[in-house]
């Protein structure tokens, strides 16, 4: 009896310590769980969207893998005014791989709509809004044209994604109603899809033949050459004519809104942009003194906007030979990494290109030959202009010049169209990158042509020659130093102000 009471006494003394150990254990487990979830939220929270390029800056050492396979739920009656204003909802194709969020630059999806009036030939643009499934937008979109599109007008949609693949999902018959094409036989294109595009382009061609729709000429760039189009071998890459020019606004809390003047004024937001060949054309245009074709933005009254269908229609009319058309090794047109002629043609008609009758007509080797013969020379000629322009993505390159050079290298070599092997010709571009893999410089070798940046420049100060615009001369009685920056082609003059 004495030993029992003594045991109870010891247990009563130990009980609080045992309870404390259990509590600490639970706290550690909870802390570990919260840390795991917290790292995901923090990873999304520290992303910074560049207001010009839409690029995100992410620390790969602290970020978890991002799910780049997303699905977009297409609302019912997508070609009507109400359908255009109805929210598209983004979800993960496979939730086990993580969520998809429209506010995440690496996952964002984009929709671009165009309306053509066959009677007048007038084209208008309306870009529907994408949000996470179940989420509310920052500002609810309003239907275009007062909620009533004339029955004779033709509406079409194009889709882009910053992820690897975008799958369209039906909602109450929406994919059939919109005549939507996401790929072929269950093999999606990848980042691209469209609805009713062939009918839109047919209406546009009829309007052009009747003289009602006249795409403007491409114009002449500052380099003296014709401005590029989406079918210019100076602008294309391994998967040309993909994605869209749509942009959205993102709030600090991750809500999405259409990019309109009213929304910017009310919310003061960051811009989310699609990593798009169609959009890249507009950046190159700006850098080399060209103007893209634009049409009225029905969501943003009084403003004009660029669009995929405008780019492709203009290219169809004005691009000089050789004309770049989607080749059979374009990864978006292949099935299981093999050419698929039916899938290729399904893609082509969505961007107003002639279907290919056979593999020879869509030869990637021929495509590579034109790419090699045209792109390096134009990139070199435009170097003084594109070096001054910001890159399409600062996480990839430090200027538009290095971005375009890096893009050519990727397309030309094994990870792209494999032109190096197909042509048995070395890559004419050599890249330099920093420790983070960002392209910082490029050397382009074109026979018989030197870089405009290497041209010798001399200055004359008060009648005195200054070789290389570098050195010291006197101006207004003050010693001044001159320094010429080869990269920016600028001369910096620093003069002493005296005592």
Protein backbone atom coordinates (compact mmCIF):
# COMPACT_ATOMS: atom_id res chain seq x y z
CA UNK A 1 0.00 0.00 0.00
CA UNK A 2 2.86 2.31 0.87
CA UNK A 3 4.66 1.57 -2.40
CA UNK A 4 1.43 2.27 -4.38
CA UNK A 5 0.88 5.63 -2.74
CA UNK A 6 4.52 6.49 -3.34
CA UNK A 7 4.10 5.63 -7.05
CA UNK A 8 0.99 7.81 -7.34
CA UNK A 9 2.90 10.62 -5.65
CA UNK A 10 5.73 10.34 -8.22
CA UNK A 11 3.22 10.26 -11.11
CA UNK A 12 1.50 13.34 -9.77
CA UNK A 13 4.86 15.13 -9.78
CA UNK A 14 5.75 13.94 -13.33
CA UNK A 15 2.32 14.54 -14.91
CA UNK A 16 2.79 18.28 -15.56
CA UNK A 17 6.16 17.61 -17.24
CA UNK A 18 4.66 14.85 -19.42
CA UNK A 19 1.83 17.14 -20.47
CA UNK A 20 4.34 19.86 -21.25
CA UNK A 21 6.35 17.49 -23.49
CA UNK A 22 3.20 16.45 -25.38
CA UNK A 23 2.19 20.08 -25.86
CA UNK A 24 5.64 21.00 -27.17
CA UNK A 25 5.50 18.07 -29.58
CA UNK A 26 2.16 19.20 -30.97
CA UNK A 27 3.42 22.75 -31.30
CA UNK A 28 6.42 21.56 -33.29
CA UNK A 29 4.21 19.56 -35.63
CA UNK A 30 1.84 22.47 -36.12
CA UNK A 31 4.78 24.80 -36.68
CA UNK A 32 6.17 22.50 -39.35
CA UNK A 33 2.80 22.30 -41.07
CA UNK A 34 2.32 26.06 -40.98
CA UNK A 35 5.82 26.63 -42.26
CA UNK A 36 5.13 24.43 -45.27
CA UNK A 37 1.96 26.30 -46.21
CA UNK A 38 3.51 29.62 -45.32
CA UNK A 39 6.41 29.13 -47.71
CA UNK A 40 3.97 28.68 -50.59
CA UNK A 41 2.04 31.81 -49.70
CA UNK A 42 5.22 33.79 -49.16
CA UNK A 43 6.56 32.59 -52.48
CA UNK A 44 3.57 34.06 -54.25
CA UNK A 45 3.59 37.14 -52.08
CA UNK A 46 7.16 38.23 -52.84
CA UNK A 47 6.72 38.12 -56.59
CA UNK A 48 7.01 41.52 -58.25
CA UNK A 49 5.26 42.18 -61.54
CA UNK A 50 7.08 44.51 -63.88
CA UNK A 51 4.57 47.12 -65.01
CA UNK A 52 6.06 47.29 -68.51
CA UNK A 53 6.93 43.73 -69.38
CA UNK A 54 4.77 41.72 -67.03
CA UNK A 55 7.82 39.79 -65.97
CA UNK A 56 8.15 38.24 -62.57
CA UNK A 57 11.31 38.04 -60.49
CA UNK A 58 11.47 34.86 -58.45
CA UNK A 59 14.21 33.38 -56.31
CA UNK A 60 14.45 29.78 -57.53
CA UNK A 61 16.25 28.77 -54.32
CA UNK A 62 13.23 29.61 -52.16
CA UNK A 63 10.33 28.96 -54.52
CA UNK A 64 8.45 25.65 -54.70
CA UNK A 65 7.72 24.14 -58.14
CA UNK A 66 4.94 25.92 -59.98
CA UNK A 67 2.17 23.99 -61.71
CA UNK A 68 2.35 25.09 -65.35
CA UNK A 69 -0.50 22.89 -66.63
CA UNK A 70 -3.70 24.88 -66.18
CA UNK A 71 -7.28 24.67 -67.41
CA UNK A 72 -9.57 27.52 -68.39
CA UNK A 73 -13.33 27.14 -67.96
CA UNK A 74 -15.01 28.79 -70.96
CA UNK A 75 -18.37 30.39 -70.03
CA UNK A 76 -21.58 29.58 -71.87
CA UNK A 77 -22.33 31.41 -75.12
CA UNK A 78 -18.79 32.80 -75.38
CA UNK A 79 -19.39 34.64 -78.67
CA UNK A 80 -22.24 36.80 -77.32
CA UNK A 81 -21.92 40.16 -75.55
CA UNK A 82 -22.90 38.54 -72.26
CA UNK A 83 -20.50 35.66 -72.82
CA UNK A 84 -17.61 38.04 -73.51
CA UNK A 85 -18.29 39.84 -70.23
CA UNK A 86 -18.64 36.61 -68.24
CA UNK A 87 -15.61 35.64 -66.19
CA UNK A 88 -13.29 32.90 -67.45
CA UNK A 89 -12.16 30.71 -64.55
CA UNK A 90 -8.67 29.31 -64.13
CA UNK A 91 -8.07 25.98 -62.36
CA UNK A 92 -5.30 23.39 -62.22
CA UNK A 93 -5.57 20.63 -64.81
CA UNK A 94 -4.35 18.24 -62.11
CA UNK A 95 -4.84 19.70 -58.60
CA UNK A 96 -2.32 17.20 -57.23
CA UNK A 97 0.38 19.27 -58.94
CA UNK A 98 -0.64 22.42 -57.12
CA UNK A 99 -3.10 25.25 -57.82
CA UNK A 100 -3.20 27.65 -60.75
CA UNK A 101 -3.60 31.34 -59.95
CA UNK A 102 -4.26 34.13 -62.41
CA UNK A 103 -2.19 36.53 -60.32
CA UNK A 104 0.86 34.27 -60.76
CA UNK A 105 2.84 35.47 -63.77
CA UNK A 106 4.04 31.92 -64.47
CA UNK A 107 0.49 30.53 -64.70
CA UNK A 108 -1.66 33.40 -65.95
CA UNK A 109 -4.02 32.80 -68.87
CA UNK A 110 -5.29 35.46 -71.27
CA UNK A 111 -8.26 35.82 -73.61
CA UNK A 112 -8.49 38.11 -76.65
CA UNK A 113 -11.73 38.76 -78.48
CA UNK A 114 -12.37 40.48 -81.81
CA UNK A 115 -15.59 41.50 -83.52
CA UNK A 116 -15.89 42.31 -87.22
CA UNK A 117 -18.83 43.99 -88.91
CA UNK A 118 -18.90 42.38 -92.39
CA UNK A 119 -20.99 45.27 -93.74
CA UNK A 120 -18.47 48.00 -92.89
CA UNK A 121 -15.31 45.95 -92.37
CA UNK A 122 -14.78 47.58 -88.97
CA UNK A 123 -12.91 45.47 -86.40
CA UNK A 124 -13.20 46.06 -82.64
CA UNK A 125 -11.39 44.36 -79.79
CA UNK A 126 -12.73 43.15 -76.44
CA UNK A 127 -10.52 41.17 -74.07
CA UNK A 128 -12.55 39.02 -71.62
CA UNK A 129 -11.31 38.67 -68.06
CA UNK A 130 -9.74 35.62 -66.40
CA UNK A 131 -9.94 35.01 -62.63
CA UNK A 132 -9.35 32.06 -60.33
CA UNK A 133 -12.35 29.75 -60.06
CA UNK A 134 -14.80 31.19 -57.57
CA UNK A 135 -12.88 34.45 -57.21
CA UNK A 136 -14.34 37.92 -57.60
CA UNK A 137 -12.72 40.39 -60.00
CA UNK A 138 -11.43 43.74 -58.82
CA UNK A 139 -13.94 45.32 -61.21
CA UNK A 140 -16.76 43.43 -62.91
CA UNK A 141 -16.49 43.56 -66.74
CA UNK A 142 -19.31 45.18 -68.70
CA UNK A 143 -20.73 43.68 -71.91
CA UNK A 144 -19.50 45.34 -75.12
CA UNK A 145 -21.73 47.29 -77.50
CA UNK A 146 -24.35 47.91 -74.85
CA UNK A 147 -24.87 44.19 -74.38
CA UNK A 148 -26.07 43.51 -77.91
CA UNK A 149 -23.77 42.43 -80.76
CA UNK A 150 -25.49 42.70 -84.17
CA UNK A 151 -26.39 39.22 -85.44
CA UNK A 152 -24.43 39.76 -88.67
CA UNK A 153 -21.19 40.51 -86.82
CA UNK A 154 -18.62 37.74 -86.45
CA UNK A 155 -16.92 37.19 -83.09
CA UNK A 156 -13.77 35.16 -82.42
CA UNK A 157 -11.53 34.42 -79.46
CA UNK A 158 -7.87 33.55 -79.04
CA UNK A 159 -6.14 32.29 -75.90
CA UNK A 160 -2.64 32.53 -74.48
CA UNK A 161 -0.91 31.26 -71.36
CA UNK A 162 2.30 31.91 -69.47
CA UNK A 163 2.26 28.29 -68.32
CA UNK A 164 3.26 25.34 -70.49
CA UNK A 165 -0.19 24.06 -71.37
CA UNK A 166 -3.67 25.54 -71.33
CA UNK A 167 -6.68 23.23 -71.66
CA UNK A 168 -10.12 24.63 -72.43
CA UNK A 169 -12.96 23.18 -70.34
CA UNK A 170 -16.59 23.15 -71.43
CA UNK A 171 -19.34 24.88 -69.47
CA UNK A 172 -22.95 24.26 -70.54
CA UNK A 173 -21.91 23.52 -74.14
CA UNK A 174 -19.59 26.52 -74.45
CA UNK A 175 -16.87 24.84 -76.50
CA UNK A 176 -19.32 23.72 -79.17
CA UNK A 177 -21.16 27.04 -79.09
CA UNK A 178 -17.89 28.88 -79.63
CA UNK A 179 -16.47 26.43 -82.20
CA UNK A 180 -13.40 26.22 -79.96
CA UNK A 181 -10.20 24.40 -80.97
CA UNK A 182 -7.65 23.47 -78.30
CA UNK A 183 -5.59 21.01 -80.36
CA UNK A 184 -6.46 17.72 -82.02
CA UNK A 185 -7.64 14.35 -80.73
CA UNK A 186 -6.88 15.20 -77.12
CA UNK A 187 -3.41 16.60 -77.87
CA UNK A 188 -3.53 20.30 -76.93
CA UNK A 189 -1.48 22.91 -78.76
CA UNK A 190 0.11 24.03 -75.51
CA UNK A 191 -0.21 27.70 -74.64
CA UNK A 192 -2.63 28.49 -77.47
CA UNK A 193 -6.26 27.92 -78.45
CA UNK A 194 -9.02 29.71 -80.35
CA UNK A 195 -12.77 29.87 -80.90
CA UNK A 196 -14.43 30.65 -84.25
CA UNK A 197 -11.22 32.08 -85.72
CA UNK A 198 -11.65 30.63 -89.26
CA UNK A 199 -15.08 32.28 -89.60
CA UNK A 200 -13.67 35.60 -88.40
CA UNK A 201 -10.79 35.53 -90.87
CA UNK A 202 -13.12 34.52 -93.70
CA UNK A 203 -15.30 37.56 -92.95
CA UNK A 204 -12.19 39.74 -92.82
CA UNK A 205 -10.91 38.45 -96.17
CA UNK A 206 -14.28 39.10 -97.77
CA UNK A 207 -14.25 42.64 -96.40
CA UNK A 208 -10.73 43.16 -97.73
CA UNK A 209 -11.71 41.88 -101.18
CA UNK A 210 -14.62 44.32 -101.16
CA UNK A 211 -12.32 47.18 -100.19
CA UNK A 212 -14.08 47.70 -96.85
CA UNK A 213 -11.16 46.56 -94.71
CA UNK A 214 -7.67 47.78 -95.58
CA UNK A 215 -4.84 46.73 -93.25
CA UNK A 216 -2.28 49.54 -93.07
CA UNK A 217 1.14 49.06 -94.68
CA UNK A 218 3.92 47.90 -92.37
CA UNK A 219 5.95 51.07 -92.95
CA UNK A 220 9.69 51.69 -92.91
CA UNK A 221 11.77 51.34 -89.73
CA UNK A 222 14.57 53.61 -88.54
CA UNK A 223 17.06 51.11 -89.97
CA UNK A 224 15.71 51.74 -93.47
CA UNK A 225 14.13 48.29 -93.79
CA UNK A 226 10.45 47.39 -93.90
CA UNK A 227 8.89 47.10 -90.48
CA UNK A 228 8.53 43.47 -89.40
CA UNK A 229 5.33 41.45 -89.16
CA UNK A 230 4.51 38.27 -87.27
CA UNK A 231 5.49 36.36 -90.44
CA UNK A 232 8.88 38.00 -90.87
CA UNK A 233 11.82 35.62 -90.36
CA UNK A 234 13.47 38.44 -88.45
CA UNK A 235 10.80 38.18 -85.74
CA UNK A 236 9.66 34.52 -85.61
CA UNK A 237 10.87 31.76 -83.31
CA UNK A 238 10.26 28.03 -82.91
CA UNK A 239 6.52 28.55 -82.28
CA UNK A 240 5.51 31.68 -84.16
CA UNK A 241 2.11 33.37 -84.09
CA UNK A 242 1.27 32.16 -80.59
CA UNK A 243 -0.43 33.70 -77.55
CA UNK A 244 -2.11 37.12 -77.49
CA UNK A 245 -1.53 40.80 -76.71
CA UNK A 246 -4.10 41.01 -73.90
CA UNK A 247 -3.02 42.48 -70.56
CA UNK A 248 -4.78 42.53 -67.18
CA UNK A 249 -4.40 44.49 -63.98
CA UNK A 250 -3.51 42.79 -60.68
CA UNK A 251 -4.14 44.25 -57.24
CA UNK A 252 -1.86 43.75 -54.26
CA UNK A 253 -4.36 41.21 -52.94
CA UNK A 254 -4.35 39.26 -56.23
CA UNK A 255 -7.66 40.44 -57.69
CA UNK A 256 -7.82 40.82 -61.48
CA UNK A 257 -9.34 43.56 -63.62
CA UNK A 258 -9.44 44.52 -67.28
CA UNK A 259 -6.66 46.92 -68.25
CA UNK A 260 -8.68 50.10 -68.78
CA UNK A 261 -7.96 53.74 -68.04
CA UNK A 262 -10.83 53.86 -65.54
CA UNK A 263 -9.59 50.79 -63.69
CA UNK A 264 -6.02 52.07 -63.55
CA UNK A 265 -7.20 55.43 -62.20
CA UNK A 266 -9.40 53.79 -59.59
CA UNK A 267 -7.12 50.99 -58.48
CA UNK A 268 -3.55 51.91 -59.39
CA UNK A 269 -2.46 48.41 -60.29
CA UNK A 270 0.35 46.38 -61.80
CA UNK A 271 0.08 45.03 -65.35
CA UNK A 272 0.06 41.29 -66.07
CA UNK A 273 1.12 40.51 -69.65
CA UNK A 274 1.19 37.42 -71.83
CA UNK A 275 4.64 36.23 -72.97
CA UNK A 276 3.60 36.39 -76.59
CA UNK A 277 5.15 36.53 -80.05
CA UNK A 278 2.24 38.78 -80.99
CA UNK A 279 3.06 41.15 -78.15
CA UNK A 280 6.82 40.97 -78.79
CA UNK A 281 6.18 42.42 -82.25
CA UNK A 282 4.74 45.56 -80.64
CA UNK A 283 7.86 45.93 -78.44
CA UNK A 284 10.17 45.59 -81.45
CA UNK A 285 8.02 48.07 -83.39
CA UNK A 286 8.39 50.64 -80.64
CA UNK A 287 12.16 50.17 -80.50
CA UNK A 288 12.81 50.53 -84.22
CA UNK A 289 10.29 53.26 -85.01
CA UNK A 290 7.33 51.26 -86.34
CA UNK A 291 3.64 51.43 -85.47
CA UNK A 292 1.50 48.30 -85.00
CA UNK A 293 -2.03 48.15 -86.37
CA UNK A 294 -4.57 48.89 -83.64
CA UNK A 295 -8.36 48.86 -83.31
CA UNK A 296 -10.87 50.32 -80.83
CA UNK A 297 -10.92 48.64 -77.41
CA UNK A 298 -14.59 48.14 -76.52
CA UNK A 299 -13.73 47.66 -72.84
CA UNK A 300 -11.75 50.90 -72.76
CA UNK A 301 -13.71 53.59 -74.66
CA UNK A 302 -11.59 56.08 -76.54
CA UNK A 303 -8.51 53.87 -76.61
CA UNK A 304 -6.93 51.72 -79.32
CA UNK A 305 -5.28 48.36 -78.73
CA UNK A 306 -3.21 45.77 -80.59
CA UNK A 307 -4.46 42.23 -81.20
CA UNK A 308 -3.45 38.89 -82.69
CA UNK A 309 -6.00 39.01 -85.56
CA UNK A 310 -4.80 42.47 -86.58
CA UNK A 311 -1.17 41.34 -86.65
CA UNK A 312 -1.97 38.25 -88.71
CA UNK A 313 -4.21 40.03 -91.22
CA UNK A 314 -1.59 42.73 -91.75
CA UNK A 315 1.11 40.09 -92.22
CA UNK A 316 -1.02 38.24 -94.75
CA UNK A 317 -1.32 41.35 -96.94
CA UNK A 318 2.00 43.10 -96.55
CA UNK A 319 4.74 40.61 -95.61
CA UNK A 320 7.26 40.23 -98.44
CA UNK A 321 8.63 36.82 -99.42
CA UNK A 322 9.85 34.64 -97.94
CA UNK A 323 6.82 34.48 -95.65
CA UNK A 324 7.18 32.57 -92.40
CA UNK A 325 4.36 30.07 -91.82
CA UNK A 326 4.16 27.65 -88.89
CA UNK A 327 6.56 24.75 -89.67
CA UNK A 328 5.94 21.07 -88.96
CA UNK A 329 8.47 20.95 -86.10
CA UNK A 330 6.72 23.69 -84.16
CA UNK A 331 6.28 21.97 -80.76
CA UNK A 332 2.72 23.25 -80.45
CA UNK A 333 1.72 21.36 -83.60
CA UNK A 334 3.36 18.04 -82.78
CA UNK A 335 1.86 14.99 -81.11
CA UNK A 336 4.16 12.99 -78.83
CA UNK A 337 7.11 14.96 -80.26
CA UNK A 338 6.32 13.86 -83.81
CA UNK A 339 4.99 15.99 -86.69
CA UNK A 340 1.21 15.87 -87.02
CA UNK A 341 -0.02 17.43 -90.26
CA UNK A 342 -3.66 17.57 -89.17
CA UNK A 343 -2.73 19.29 -85.92
CA UNK A 344 -0.42 21.68 -87.78
CA UNK A 345 -3.25 22.70 -90.10
CA UNK A 346 -5.67 23.05 -87.20
CA UNK A 347 -3.22 25.53 -85.70
CA UNK A 348 -2.59 27.37 -88.96
CA UNK A 349 -6.22 28.13 -89.72
CA UNK A 350 -6.55 29.63 -86.24
CA UNK A 351 -4.02 32.32 -87.18
CA UNK A 352 -5.17 32.78 -90.79
CA UNK A 353 -2.46 30.75 -92.49
CA UNK A 354 -2.92 28.43 -95.45
CA UNK A 355 -3.06 24.74 -94.51
CA UNK A 356 -0.04 22.70 -95.58
CA UNK A 357 -0.77 19.94 -98.13
CA UNK A 358 2.18 17.82 -97.00
CA UNK A 359 5.35 17.68 -94.93
CA UNK A 360 7.48 19.16 -97.70
CA UNK A 361 5.34 22.29 -97.90
CA UNK A 362 5.82 22.87 -94.17
CA UNK A 363 9.46 21.81 -94.11
CA UNK A 364 11.31 22.88 -90.99
CA UNK A 365 14.63 22.67 -92.83
CA UNK A 366 13.45 25.29 -95.31
CA UNK A 367 12.16 27.36 -92.41
CA UNK A 368 15.60 27.13 -90.78
CA UNK A 369 17.33 28.23 -93.99
CA UNK A 370 15.26 31.40 -94.15
CA UNK A 371 15.70 32.01 -90.44
CA UNK A 372 19.49 31.76 -90.76
CA UNK A 373 19.58 33.94 -93.86
CA UNK A 374 17.42 36.76 -92.49
CA UNK A 375 17.28 37.00 -88.70
CA UNK A 376 20.97 37.48 -87.75
CA UNK A 377 21.44 40.28 -90.29
CA UNK A 378 18.37 42.16 -89.12
CA UNK A 379 19.24 41.67 -85.45
CA UNK A 380 22.68 43.11 -86.15
CA UNK A 381 21.32 46.06 -88.13
CA UNK A 382 18.88 46.92 -85.34
CA UNK A 383 21.39 46.48 -82.51
CA UNK A 384 21.88 50.24 -81.87
CA UNK A 385 18.10 50.58 -81.46
CA UNK A 386 17.24 47.41 -79.56
CA UNK A 387 20.13 47.78 -77.11
CA UNK A 388 18.40 50.91 -75.83
CA UNK A 389 15.03 49.19 -75.38
CA UNK A 390 13.96 47.24 -72.28
CA UNK A 391 13.76 43.45 -72.60
CA UNK A 392 10.49 41.60 -72.99
CA UNK A 393 11.43 39.78 -69.77
CA UNK A 394 14.20 41.14 -67.50
CA UNK A 395 14.54 37.69 -65.93
CA UNK A 396 15.83 36.47 -69.32
CA UNK A 397 17.87 39.35 -70.76
CA UNK A 398 19.09 42.85 -69.95
CA UNK A 399 17.89 44.51 -73.16
CA UNK A 400 15.61 43.87 -76.11
CA UNK A 401 18.71 43.14 -78.21
CA UNK A 402 19.97 40.38 -75.92
CA UNK A 403 16.42 39.04 -75.50
CA UNK A 404 16.01 38.68 -79.27
CA UNK A 405 19.49 37.18 -79.65
CA UNK A 406 18.84 34.64 -76.89
CA UNK A 407 15.50 33.80 -78.51
CA UNK A 408 17.21 33.09 -81.84
CA UNK A 409 19.78 30.84 -80.17
CA UNK A 410 17.06 28.84 -78.42
CA UNK A 411 15.13 28.45 -81.68
CA UNK A 412 18.17 27.57 -83.79
CA UNK A 413 19.71 24.99 -81.50
CA UNK A 414 18.66 21.61 -80.10
CA UNK A 415 16.04 22.90 -77.65
CA UNK A 416 14.17 24.61 -80.46
CA UNK A 417 13.82 23.64 -84.11
CA UNK A 418 17.23 21.96 -84.26
CA UNK A 419 18.37 24.11 -87.18
CA UNK A 420 22.02 23.60 -86.29
CA UNK A 421 21.71 19.89 -87.03
CA UNK A 422 19.27 20.24 -89.92
CA UNK A 423 21.53 22.70 -91.77
CA UNK A 424 24.88 21.51 -90.44
CA UNK A 425 25.72 25.17 -89.97
CA UNK A 426 27.04 26.70 -86.73
CA UNK A 427 24.94 29.13 -84.75
CA UNK A 428 25.96 32.65 -85.85
CA UNK A 429 25.13 34.09 -82.43
CA UNK A 430 27.21 33.65 -79.30
CA UNK A 431 25.61 34.62 -76.00
CA UNK A 432 27.06 35.91 -72.76
CA UNK A 433 25.12 35.41 -69.52
CA UNK A 434 25.59 36.39 -65.90
CA UNK A 435 25.62 34.10 -62.87
CA UNK A 436 21.80 34.01 -62.88
CA UNK A 437 21.60 32.96 -66.52
CA UNK A 438 20.41 36.38 -67.70
CA UNK A 439 21.63 37.23 -71.21
CA UNK A 440 23.92 40.25 -70.93
CA UNK A 441 25.53 40.44 -74.37
CA UNK A 442 25.60 38.76 -77.76
CA UNK A 443 28.02 38.58 -80.67
CA UNK A 444 26.45 38.11 -84.10
CA UNK A 445 28.55 36.89 -87.00
CA UNK A 446 27.25 37.81 -90.45
CA UNK A 447 29.64 37.46 -93.44
CA UNK A 448 30.56 40.85 -94.85
CA UNK A 449 28.78 42.77 -92.12
CA UNK A 450 30.12 44.27 -88.92
CA UNK A 451 28.17 45.44 -85.92
CA UNK A 452 27.05 49.08 -86.14
CA UNK A 453 28.10 49.29 -82.51
CA UNK A 454 31.72 48.69 -83.54
CA UNK A 455 31.86 51.67 -85.89
CA UNK A 456 34.57 54.13 -84.92
CA UNK A 457 33.31 57.45 -83.61
CA UNK A 458 35.34 60.65 -83.31
CA UNK A 459 34.32 63.99 -81.87
CA UNK A 460 35.40 67.54 -82.53
CA UNK A 461 35.52 70.03 -79.66
CA UNK A 462 35.99 73.70 -80.59
CA UNK A 463 37.69 72.59 -83.80
CA UNK A 464 39.99 70.14 -82.00
CA UNK A 465 39.60 66.45 -83.02
CA UNK A 466 38.99 64.03 -80.14
CA UNK A 467 39.70 60.44 -81.21
CA UNK A 468 37.07 57.99 -80.05
CA UNK A 469 35.22 60.81 -78.30
CA UNK A 470 37.32 59.99 -75.26
CA UNK A 471 39.75 62.27 -73.48
CA UNK A 472 39.97 65.79 -72.05
CA UNK A 473 39.50 69.13 -73.78
CA UNK A 474 38.75 72.68 -72.67
CA UNK A 475 35.28 74.15 -73.10
CA UNK A 476 34.44 77.72 -72.08
CA UNK A 477 37.67 77.89 -70.17
CA UNK A 478 36.90 74.77 -68.14
CA UNK A 479 38.59 71.34 -68.45
CA UNK A 480 36.05 68.74 -69.59
CA UNK A 481 36.38 64.98 -69.81
CA UNK A 482 34.70 63.01 -72.59
CA UNK A 483 33.73 59.33 -72.27
CA UNK A 484 32.10 57.28 -75.04
CA UNK A 485 29.94 54.31 -73.98
CA UNK A 486 30.07 51.69 -76.74
CA UNK A 487 26.93 49.92 -75.52
CA UNK A 488 24.66 52.96 -75.31
CA UNK A 489 26.40 54.96 -78.05
CA UNK A 490 26.39 57.99 -75.79
CA UNK A 491 29.10 60.51 -74.99
CA UNK A 492 29.22 61.68 -71.38
CA UNK A 493 30.80 65.11 -70.86
CA UNK A 494 31.90 66.11 -67.36
CA UNK A 495 33.25 69.59 -66.82
CA UNK A 496 34.97 71.04 -63.77
CA UNK A 497 33.03 73.89 -62.20
CA UNK A 498 36.17 75.39 -60.70
CA UNK A 499 36.83 76.42 -57.12
